[in-house]
N, C-alpha and C. Protein backbone atom coordinates (compact mmCIF):
# COMPACT_ATOMS: atom_id res chain seq x y z
N UNK A 1 -80.39 53.99 -49.09
CA UNK A 1 -81.58 54.19 -49.35
C UNK A 1 -82.94 53.06 -48.30
N UNK A 2 -83.42 53.44 -47.48
CA UNK A 2 -84.15 52.62 -47.22
C UNK A 2 -85.67 52.29 -47.62
N UNK A 3 -85.64 51.03 -47.73
CA UNK A 3 -87.20 50.29 -48.14
C UNK A 3 -88.10 50.09 -47.45
N UNK A 4 -89.42 50.57 -47.62
CA UNK A 4 -90.69 50.74 -46.96
C UNK A 4 -90.88 49.15 -46.16
N UNK A 5 -91.08 49.76 -45.02
CA UNK A 5 -91.26 48.11 -44.31
C UNK A 5 -92.67 47.49 -45.11
N UNK A 6 -92.30 45.88 -45.28
CA UNK A 6 -93.36 45.35 -46.17
C UNK A 6 -94.96 44.57 -45.25
N UNK A 7 -95.83 44.57 -45.79
CA UNK A 7 -96.87 44.07 -44.89
C UNK A 7 -96.66 42.91 -44.61
N UNK A 8 -97.10 42.11 -43.26
CA UNK A 8 -97.15 40.63 -43.10
C UNK A 8 -98.39 40.06 -44.02
N UNK A 9 -97.80 38.98 -44.31
CA UNK A 9 -98.51 37.78 -45.36
C UNK A 9 -99.53 37.23 -43.85
N UNK A 10 -100.59 37.80 -44.50
CA UNK A 10 -101.84 37.01 -42.94
C UNK A 10 -102.53 35.65 -43.40
N UNK A 11 -102.04 35.38 -44.25
CA UNK A 11 -102.26 34.18 -44.88
C UNK A 11 -101.67 32.48 -44.03
N UNK A 12 -100.15 33.26 -43.40
CA UNK A 12 -99.95 32.22 -42.67
C UNK A 12 -99.84 32.21 -41.52
N UNK A 13 -100.14 31.14 -40.74
CA UNK A 13 -100.54 30.43 -39.26
C UNK A 13 -99.19 31.10 -38.49
N UNK A 14 -99.09 31.44 -37.36
CA UNK A 14 -98.33 32.27 -36.42
C UNK A 14 -97.91 30.52 -36.04
N UNK A 15 -96.45 30.16 -35.90
CA UNK A 15 -96.18 28.79 -34.78
C UNK A 15 -95.50 29.09 -33.72
N UNK A 16 -96.13 28.87 -32.12
CA UNK A 16 -95.19 29.17 -31.57
C UNK A 16 -93.33 28.37 -31.16
N UNK A 17 -92.78 28.15 -30.12
CA UNK A 17 -91.59 27.50 -30.02
C UNK A 17 -91.50 27.60 -28.74
N UNK A 18 -90.65 26.98 -27.70
CA UNK A 18 -90.32 26.54 -26.29
C UNK A 18 -90.26 27.99 -25.64
N UNK A 19 -89.88 29.13 -26.18
CA UNK A 19 -89.03 29.93 -25.70
C UNK A 19 -90.38 31.25 -25.87
N UNK A 20 -91.58 30.83 -26.06
CA UNK A 20 -92.45 31.82 -26.53
C UNK A 20 -92.44 33.04 -27.26
N UNK A 21 -91.52 32.57 -28.48
CA UNK A 21 -91.53 33.73 -29.55
C UNK A 21 -92.35 32.43 -30.34
N UNK A 22 -92.94 33.60 -31.32
CA UNK A 22 -93.34 33.35 -32.49
C UNK A 22 -92.88 33.48 -34.04
N UNK A 23 -92.95 32.45 -34.70
CA UNK A 23 -92.47 32.73 -36.41
C UNK A 23 -93.61 32.17 -37.39
N UNK A 24 -93.30 32.94 -38.45
CA UNK A 24 -94.07 32.64 -39.44
C UNK A 24 -94.15 31.23 -40.41
N UNK A 25 -94.99 30.61 -40.63
CA UNK A 25 -94.86 29.26 -41.47
C UNK A 25 -95.14 29.35 -42.53
N UNK A 26 -93.96 29.30 -43.60
CA UNK A 26 -94.19 29.59 -45.21
C UNK A 26 -95.33 28.52 -45.60
N UNK A 27 -95.76 29.19 -46.69
CA UNK A 27 -96.85 28.94 -47.37
C UNK A 27 -96.19 27.56 -48.18
N UNK A 28 -96.26 26.83 -48.61
CA UNK A 28 -95.19 25.43 -49.43
C UNK A 28 -96.28 25.21 -50.71
N UNK A 29 -95.52 25.11 -51.21
CA UNK A 29 -96.15 24.68 -52.75
C UNK A 29 -97.00 23.42 -52.69
N UNK A 30 -98.13 22.97 -53.41
CA UNK A 30 -98.79 22.18 -52.97
C UNK A 30 -98.13 20.43 -53.18
N UNK A 31 -96.73 20.56 -54.24
CA UNK A 31 -95.91 19.38 -54.81
C UNK A 31 -95.10 19.15 -52.99
N UNK A 32 -95.05 20.39 -52.12
CA UNK A 32 -93.75 19.94 -51.02
C UNK A 32 -94.78 19.28 -49.65
N UNK A 33 -95.83 19.98 -50.01
CA UNK A 33 -96.96 19.74 -48.44
C UNK A 33 -96.88 17.97 -48.27
N UNK A 34 -96.92 17.65 -47.14
CA UNK A 34 -97.37 16.29 -47.06
C UNK A 34 -98.21 15.75 -46.96
N UNK A 35 -97.85 14.26 -47.93
CA UNK A 35 -99.22 13.99 -48.55
C UNK A 35 -99.49 12.73 -47.85
N UNK A 36 -100.84 12.19 -48.02
CA UNK A 36 -101.26 11.66 -47.39
C UNK A 36 -101.14 10.47 -47.69
N UNK A 37 -101.18 9.36 -46.71
CA UNK A 37 -101.06 7.48 -47.02
C UNK A 37 -101.93 7.33 -48.45
N UNK A 38 -102.73 7.61 -48.39
CA UNK A 38 -103.78 7.64 -49.71
C UNK A 38 -103.29 7.98 -51.32
N UNK A 39 -102.39 9.55 -50.91
CA UNK A 39 -101.70 9.74 -52.41
C UNK A 39 -100.56 8.79 -52.40
N UNK A 40 -99.92 8.87 -51.26
CA UNK A 40 -98.77 8.25 -51.56
C UNK A 40 -98.95 6.69 -52.22
N UNK A 41 -100.40 6.23 -51.82
CA UNK A 41 -100.53 4.31 -52.34
C UNK A 41 -100.73 4.08 -53.57
N UNK A 42 -101.64 5.81 -54.02
CA UNK A 42 -102.17 5.78 -55.41
C UNK A 42 -100.53 6.08 -56.30
N UNK A 43 -100.09 6.89 -55.98
CA UNK A 43 -98.44 7.17 -56.81
C UNK A 43 -97.40 6.07 -56.91
N UNK A 44 -97.27 5.75 -55.84
CA UNK A 44 -95.92 4.43 -55.79
C UNK A 44 -96.37 3.44 -54.84
N UNK A 45 -97.24 2.46 -55.45
CA UNK A 45 -97.87 1.92 -54.36
C UNK A 45 -96.61 0.49 -54.47
N UNK A 46 -95.50 0.12 -55.20
CA UNK A 46 -94.56 -0.65 -55.20
C UNK A 46 -93.77 0.04 -53.78
N UNK A 47 -93.29 1.13 -53.62
CA UNK A 47 -92.27 1.91 -52.66
C UNK A 47 -93.25 1.25 -51.36
N UNK A 48 -94.65 1.44 -51.30
CA UNK A 48 -95.07 1.17 -50.18
C UNK A 48 -95.34 0.11 -49.83
N UNK A 49 -95.16 -1.13 -50.54
CA UNK A 49 -95.13 -2.49 -50.35
C UNK A 49 -93.56 -2.71 -49.97
N UNK A 50 -92.81 -2.49 -50.66
CA UNK A 50 -90.77 -2.72 -50.51
C UNK A 50 -91.24 -2.04 -48.91
N UNK A 51 -91.47 -1.08 -48.98
CA UNK A 51 -90.90 -0.89 -47.24
C UNK A 51 -91.68 -1.40 -46.45
N UNK A 52 -92.92 -2.18 -46.69
CA UNK A 52 -93.67 -2.85 -45.61
C UNK A 52 -92.86 -4.70 -45.27
N UNK A 53 -92.60 -4.33 -46.66
CA UNK A 53 -91.76 -5.81 -46.77
C UNK A 53 -90.56 -5.76 -45.68
N UNK A 54 -89.85 -4.88 -45.99
CA UNK A 54 -88.60 -4.72 -45.77
C UNK A 54 -88.56 -4.76 -44.31
N UNK A 55 -90.23 -4.12 -43.38
CA UNK A 55 -90.48 -3.56 -42.18
C UNK A 55 -90.32 -4.93 -41.59
N UNK A 56 -91.41 -5.97 -42.32
CA UNK A 56 -91.80 -7.37 -41.77
C UNK A 56 -90.93 -8.08 -41.63
N UNK A 57 -89.68 -8.20 -42.82
CA UNK A 57 -88.75 -9.00 -42.45
C UNK A 57 -87.67 -8.68 -41.51
N UNK A 58 -87.45 -7.44 -41.33
CA UNK A 58 -86.56 -7.05 -39.87
C UNK A 58 -87.02 -7.52 -39.21
N UNK A 59 -88.55 -7.24 -38.79
CA UNK A 59 -89.41 -7.71 -37.45
C UNK A 59 -88.87 -9.14 -37.57
N UNK A 60 -89.12 -10.17 -38.02
CA UNK A 60 -89.47 -11.18 -38.23
C UNK A 60 -88.02 -11.79 -38.04
N UNK A 61 -86.56 -11.35 -38.47
CA UNK A 61 -84.92 -11.35 -38.20
C UNK A 61 -85.21 -11.10 -36.70
N UNK A 62 -85.43 -9.99 -36.15
CA UNK A 62 -85.38 -9.45 -34.78
C UNK A 62 -85.94 -10.59 -33.95
N UNK A 63 -87.35 -10.92 -34.57
CA UNK A 63 -87.68 -11.83 -33.51
C UNK A 63 -87.35 -13.00 -33.19
N UNK A 64 -86.67 -14.00 -34.54
CA UNK A 64 -86.05 -14.90 -34.50
C UNK A 64 -84.66 -15.10 -33.75
N UNK A 65 -84.17 -13.86 -33.92
CA UNK A 65 -82.85 -13.89 -33.21
C UNK A 65 -82.59 -13.79 -31.76
N UNK A 66 -83.99 -13.06 -31.29
CA UNK A 66 -84.24 -13.31 -30.00
C UNK A 66 -84.67 -14.35 -29.17
N UNK A 67 -85.41 -15.17 -30.17
CA UNK A 67 -85.96 -16.14 -29.78
C UNK A 67 -84.80 -17.94 -30.08
N UNK A 68 -83.84 -17.35 -30.05
CA UNK A 68 -82.30 -18.14 -30.52
C UNK A 68 -82.30 -18.77 -31.75
N UNK A 69 -83.28 -18.67 -32.82
CA UNK A 69 -83.30 -19.46 -33.82
C UNK A 69 -81.89 -18.38 -35.35
N UNK A 70 -80.60 -18.70 -34.95
CA UNK A 70 -79.59 -18.12 -35.34
C UNK A 70 -79.51 -18.15 -36.92
N UNK A 71 -79.56 -19.25 -37.52
CA UNK A 71 -79.91 -19.44 -38.62
C UNK A 71 -80.91 -19.04 -39.62
N UNK A 72 -82.07 -18.76 -39.00
CA UNK A 72 -83.41 -17.98 -39.48
C UNK A 72 -83.09 -16.79 -39.91
N UNK A 73 -82.53 -16.09 -38.46
CA UNK A 73 -82.47 -14.71 -37.92
C UNK A 73 -81.32 -14.23 -39.23
N UNK A 74 -80.10 -15.02 -39.54
CA UNK A 74 -79.44 -14.43 -40.54
C UNK A 74 -80.46 -15.13 -41.71
N UNK A 75 -80.47 -15.73 -42.22
CA UNK A 75 -81.29 -15.62 -43.85
C UNK A 75 -82.46 -14.74 -43.54
N UNK A 76 -83.15 -14.29 -42.44
CA UNK A 76 -84.01 -12.99 -42.79
C UNK A 76 -83.27 -11.61 -42.88
N UNK A 77 -82.07 -11.35 -42.16
CA UNK A 77 -81.67 -10.33 -42.56
C UNK A 77 -81.12 -10.17 -43.81
N UNK A 78 -80.47 -11.43 -44.53
CA UNK A 78 -80.03 -11.58 -45.68
C UNK A 78 -81.11 -10.69 -46.57
N UNK A 79 -82.13 -11.14 -46.19
CA UNK A 79 -83.39 -10.92 -47.32
C UNK A 79 -83.94 -9.56 -47.23
N UNK A 80 -83.61 -9.05 -45.47
CA UNK A 80 -84.26 -7.78 -45.15
C UNK A 80 -83.02 -7.31 -46.30
N UNK A 81 -81.55 -7.38 -46.41
CA UNK A 81 -80.81 -6.40 -47.27
C UNK A 81 -81.07 -6.31 -48.38
N UNK A 82 -81.51 -6.92 -49.03
CA UNK A 82 -82.02 -7.38 -50.56
C UNK A 82 -83.09 -6.87 -50.77
N UNK A 83 -84.35 -7.02 -50.04
CA UNK A 83 -85.63 -5.57 -49.78
C UNK A 83 -85.44 -4.46 -49.60
N UNK A 84 -84.48 -4.43 -49.18
CA UNK A 84 -84.58 -2.82 -48.29
C UNK A 84 -83.73 -1.89 -49.71
N UNK A 85 -82.54 -3.04 -50.74
CA UNK A 85 -82.13 -2.53 -51.95
C UNK A 85 -82.86 -2.11 -52.92
N UNK A 86 -83.86 -3.05 -53.43
CA UNK A 86 -84.80 -3.25 -53.77
C UNK A 86 -85.71 -1.69 -53.61
N UNK A 87 -86.19 -1.80 -52.72
CA UNK A 87 -86.94 -0.63 -52.16
C UNK A 87 -86.30 0.59 -52.37
N UNK A 88 -84.89 0.64 -52.30
CA UNK A 88 -84.22 2.24 -52.89
C UNK A 88 -84.27 2.42 -53.98
N UNK A 89 -84.10 0.75 -55.03
CA UNK A 89 -83.82 1.20 -56.23
C UNK A 89 -85.30 1.77 -56.78
N UNK A 90 -86.48 1.20 -56.11
CA UNK A 90 -87.65 1.30 -56.62
C UNK A 90 -87.61 3.50 -56.72
N UNK A 91 -87.62 3.65 -55.16
CA UNK A 91 -87.37 5.16 -54.87
C UNK A 91 -86.61 5.81 -55.88
N UNK A 92 -85.35 5.37 -56.36
CA UNK A 92 -84.89 6.00 -57.59
C UNK A 92 -85.33 6.35 -58.83
N UNK A 93 -85.84 4.99 -58.95
CA UNK A 93 -85.95 4.80 -60.39
C UNK A 93 -87.45 5.07 -60.54
N UNK A 94 -88.42 5.75 -59.02
CA UNK A 94 -89.64 6.58 -59.60
C UNK A 94 -89.47 7.76 -59.69
N UNK A 95 -88.38 8.29 -58.84
CA UNK A 95 -87.97 9.91 -58.89
C UNK A 95 -87.51 10.05 -60.19
N UNK A 96 -86.82 9.16 -60.97
CA UNK A 96 -86.05 9.34 -61.97
C UNK A 96 -87.23 9.87 -62.99
N UNK A 97 -88.32 8.25 -63.27
CA UNK A 97 -89.47 8.16 -63.92
C UNK A 97 -90.18 10.08 -64.48
N UNK A 98 -90.57 9.88 -62.52
CA UNK A 98 -91.38 11.10 -62.31
C UNK A 98 -90.92 12.35 -63.08
N UNK A 99 -89.16 12.47 -62.87
CA UNK A 99 -88.45 13.84 -63.90
C UNK A 99 -88.57 13.37 -64.38
N UNK A 100 -88.89 12.42 -65.69
CA UNK A 100 -88.66 12.71 -67.30
C UNK A 100 -89.34 13.81 -67.67
N UNK A 101 -90.62 13.83 -67.48
CA UNK A 101 -91.70 15.11 -68.07
C UNK A 101 -90.86 16.32 -67.75
N UNK A 102 -90.64 16.66 -66.44
CA UNK A 102 -90.02 17.90 -66.26
C UNK A 102 -88.77 18.15 -67.19
N UNK A 103 -88.14 16.51 -67.44
CA UNK A 103 -86.32 17.07 -68.11
C UNK A 103 -86.41 16.97 -69.77
N UNK A 104 -87.64 16.80 -70.00
CA UNK A 104 -87.83 16.73 -71.90
C UNK A 104 -88.61 17.87 -71.95
N UNK A 105 -89.29 18.32 -70.79
CA UNK A 105 -89.84 19.97 -71.40
C UNK A 105 -88.67 20.67 -70.90
N UNK A 106 -87.80 20.94 -70.24
CA UNK A 106 -86.75 21.74 -70.27
C UNK A 106 -86.21 21.73 -71.74
N UNK A 107 -85.60 20.33 -71.75
CA UNK A 107 -84.74 20.47 -73.26
C UNK A 107 -85.58 20.65 -74.62
N UNK A 108 -87.02 20.46 -74.62
CA UNK A 108 -87.79 20.98 -75.75
C UNK A 108 -87.79 22.74 -75.39
N UNK A 109 -87.62 23.15 -74.32
CA UNK A 109 -87.36 24.87 -73.99
C UNK A 109 -86.44 25.10 -74.48
N UNK A 110 -85.22 24.68 -74.16
CA UNK A 110 -83.81 24.62 -75.07
C UNK A 110 -83.68 24.92 -76.12
N UNK A 111 -84.17 24.02 -77.06
CA UNK A 111 -84.67 23.98 -78.46
C UNK A 111 -84.98 24.86 -79.45
N UNK A 112 -86.16 25.02 -78.44
CA UNK A 112 -86.63 26.24 -79.15
C UNK A 112 -86.07 27.38 -79.11
N UNK A 113 -85.11 27.78 -78.22
CA UNK A 113 -84.45 29.07 -77.87
C UNK A 113 -83.18 28.78 -78.75
N UNK A 114 -82.91 27.92 -78.73
CA UNK A 114 -81.34 27.82 -79.75
C UNK A 114 -82.06 28.07 -81.26
N UNK A 115 -83.33 27.52 -81.59
CA UNK A 115 -83.74 28.02 -82.87
C UNK A 115 -84.07 29.47 -83.52
N UNK A 116 -84.71 29.69 -82.43
CA UNK A 116 -85.22 31.27 -82.26
C UNK A 116 -84.16 31.97 -82.35
N UNK A 117 -82.39 31.78 -81.94
CA UNK A 117 -81.51 32.39 -82.02
C UNK A 117 -80.66 32.20 -83.39
N UNK A 118 -81.69 31.26 -84.28
CA UNK A 118 -80.51 31.16 -85.12
C UNK A 118 -81.57 32.18 -86.78
C-alpha cells in the first residue's frame, strides 16, 4: 500500500552543489548549531585558553626550529605536548561535567519507573 506524498518543509533553505542539484538543509536543534566565539568563551574559557596556548607554543617551536635554535625548539615542542594533553583533558572533563545533569536526570527517571513497578 503506497503512502501519500509528504509536503516539503518550506522552513529549510535549498542548498546547491557543484552539479547544479539542490538538496534540503535540515533544521538542527539549538545545541548542534554552530556556536559563536562569544558563546564558547562564556561556556569553556579554559579550553579556549588551552587551545591558544598550544598554538602559541607550536608557533614558537616552529620559529625557533627554522631559526636554528635546536635546544629551544625541542623544549618548546615538549611543552606543546604537555599543553595539548592538558587541553584534551579539559575537553574530556568539560564534556563529562556538562553531561552529569543529563545522566542524573536519566538515573532519577529510571528509579521512578522502578518504584512505580513495585
